[in-house]
Protein backbone atom coordinates (compact mmCIF):
# COMPACT_ATOMS: atom_id res chain seq x y z
CA MET A 1 -14.68 -66.23 -7.39
CA ALA A 2 -17.31 -65.28 -9.78
CA ASP A 3 -20.50 -65.96 -7.56
CA ALA A 4 -19.02 -63.17 -5.36
CA GLY A 5 -18.35 -60.80 -8.10
CA SER A 6 -21.96 -61.61 -9.19
CA GLU A 7 -23.95 -61.19 -5.79
CA LYS A 8 -21.54 -57.81 -5.37
CA ARG A 9 -22.64 -56.75 -8.51
CA ARG A 10 -26.35 -57.63 -7.94
CA ILE A 11 -26.01 -56.01 -4.40
CA MET A 12 -24.78 -52.72 -6.09
CA LEU A 13 -27.45 -52.87 -9.00
CA GLY A 14 -30.19 -53.17 -6.38
CA GLU A 15 -28.68 -49.95 -4.17
CA LEU A 16 -28.16 -48.04 -7.40
CA LEU A 17 -31.67 -48.68 -8.56
CA GLU A 18 -33.12 -47.74 -5.31
CA HIS A 19 -31.30 -44.19 -5.26
CA ILE A 20 -32.39 -43.50 -8.63
CA GLU A 21 -36.16 -44.08 -7.50
CA VAL A 22 -35.97 -41.70 -5.30
CA ALA A 23 -34.24 -39.57 -7.58
CA GLN A 24 -37.04 -39.90 -10.22
CA GLU A 25 -39.29 -38.76 -7.63
CA VAL A 26 -37.80 -35.73 -6.87
CA ALA A 27 -37.26 -35.31 -10.71
CA SER A 28 -40.83 -35.30 -11.22
CA GLY A 29 -41.75 -33.43 -8.44
CA LEU A 30 -39.38 -30.72 -9.40
CA ALA A 31 -40.28 -30.73 -13.32
CA ARG A 32 -44.69 -31.07 -12.32
CA GLU A 33 -43.97 -27.64 -9.99
CA SER A 34 -41.40 -25.98 -12.64
CA PRO A 35 -41.65 -27.14 -16.76
CA GLU A 36 -37.73 -26.49 -17.12
CA TYR A 37 -37.26 -29.24 -15.01
CA ALA A 38 -38.96 -31.67 -17.34
CA ALA A 39 -35.94 -32.29 -19.64
CA MET A 40 -33.98 -33.49 -16.17
CA ALA A 41 -37.19 -35.70 -15.36
CA GLU A 42 -36.78 -37.76 -18.61
CA ALA A 43 -32.69 -38.14 -18.15
CA VAL A 44 -33.40 -39.05 -15.15
CA CYS A 45 -36.54 -41.70 -16.07
CA ARG A 46 -33.61 -42.74 -19.21
CA VAL A 47 -31.35 -43.48 -16.51
CA MET A 48 -34.32 -45.77 -14.46
CA ASP A 49 -35.00 -47.79 -17.50
CA MET A 50 -30.57 -48.76 -18.01
CA VAL A 51 -30.31 -49.43 -14.49
CA SER A 52 -33.76 -51.43 -14.34
CA MET A 53 -32.60 -53.24 -17.87
CA ALA A 54 -29.08 -54.07 -15.81
CA CYS A 55 -30.81 -55.22 -12.74
CA GLU A 56 -32.65 -57.73 -14.88
CA LEU A 57 -29.72 -59.10 -17.58
CA GLU A 58 -27.57 -59.48 -14.20
CA ALA A 59 -30.52 -61.68 -12.46
CA TYR A 60 -30.89 -63.82 -15.58
CA GLY A 61 -27.51 -64.36 -15.64
CA ASP A 62 -26.63 -62.45 -19.11
CA ASP A 63 -22.92 -61.13 -19.32
CA PRO A 64 -22.86 -58.09 -21.22
CA GLU A 65 -19.33 -57.70 -21.40
CA SER A 66 -19.65 -61.33 -23.14
CA ALA A 67 -21.07 -60.05 -26.21
CA GLU A 68 -18.23 -58.21 -27.36
């Protein structure tokens, strides 16, 4: 059953990553047009990094909860 849960997490992380990539494109475009959106674009970039790291950890089978 752990394999099914792991597969579900991989799918969900992949879908989240796709949504964040679109959000990053939108935020970057807004920041180019209006500098006041630069902080939002930076925040989206940090979230993108975190989700990417979670995808990598999941792909390699590292369980961040087991480190606690």
